[in-house]
Amino acid sequence: MANNERRPTIVDVARKAGVSKSTVSLVLQNSPLVKEATREQVRAAMNDMGYVYNRAAAKLRNANPDLIGLVINDLRNPFFSEFATSLQMALSSRGYAAVIANTDENSKLQTDMVGAMIEHGVAALIISPAYGDDAATFDAIERAGIPAMQVLRKVDPRTDLFPFAAPDYVSGSRAATEHLLAGGAKRIAFVGGLDGRGVTRERLSGYLDILEGRGIEPLVLTGSASRTFGRQMAGILANEHPDVDAVVCFNDQVALGLLSGCAEIGRTVGSDLKIVGFDDIEEVAHSWPALSSVHCDIAGFGRSIAETVVAWLEVGTVPPREHRADVSLVVRQSSSGKH
């Protein structure tokens, strides 16, 4: 190699071999997790390029069997941050450390973060995935052979490889809708959640099932799962859908925004408009009026996921392909009308 030529890197080898950087790293570590055909493919690329392995530098990145990667789509959302916190604490109590990455709903960043975690030797991955081009993320995990669970959202259908666990969203929206009807609501809207996403479809489906069974026409107003959207919807509901007297919200963020919007326009929540949120994050019990919400026991769910992954690692108990945790409805002032 001429003095002015750049020495090939692990990224160059990965590109030539058609694999991820993390897979090349595992080959260099002689990891048994890589398939033999892939190992030979990577070694052939190394030979062709004249790649030289710097073992001294690699020692800084040795695999750590006590490290578990936690990849979360949006840690700004209290629902996901409460989950991540409970999961991390539960893993810590079992002797495992969690390395946490926020992907900010960016599937490319997710792939990069997962690759880095694999390269640095995580024993397992727990992923609340971003929506988008997720194939690269899960293909890299499959090549590495690392145990990985999808939680809260399912984006990869290969649940035989990547088991999925989440609260029972469908039952939650059914319970919320039944509660509002029992309280005398005549016209119930479903507000929030981006159209087409799996989690939106699930949280919407229970609502649709109940209304269809009663012969009531639904009103679905999808959009950002944010407080800003919920606040905007207060005026839209009042002006364009004045017959709506109750709302099932996609999540608590939308519901809290709707509370603020109603206060802004002088609409009384609990009597003029009944509202039920979804997730029961810690904050909603302290809003005014206090917000009714579908309780997902997110702290308990985090602890259960920690136990599941630890059992997978320590005794080889593979999780079921899909698991739904029980939910319940917590009724507060926003739908009971009792202030």
Foldseek 3Di string as FASTA:
>chain_A
DDPPDDADDLCQLCVQLVAASLLLLCLVVVHPQADPVSSVSSVVSCVVRVHDDDVVVLVVQDADAQEEEEEEAACVDLLRVLLVVLLQVLSVVVPHHYDYYHNPLPLVSLQVVLSVPSSSHYQEYEYQDRDDPNPSNVVNCNRRNHQYEHEQADDDPPLVRHAYEYAQLLVLLLQVLVLLVVLPWDAEEEEEDAPPGPLQCRNVVNNVVNCVVVVHDYHYHYDHLALVRLLVVLVVCVPVPVSGAEYEYSAVRSVLSVVVNCVVVVHDFQGSHAYEGEAPRVCQCVDVVRHKYKHRPSSVVSSVVSVQVVCCSPVNDHDPSYYHHYIHIDDTRRHNVDD
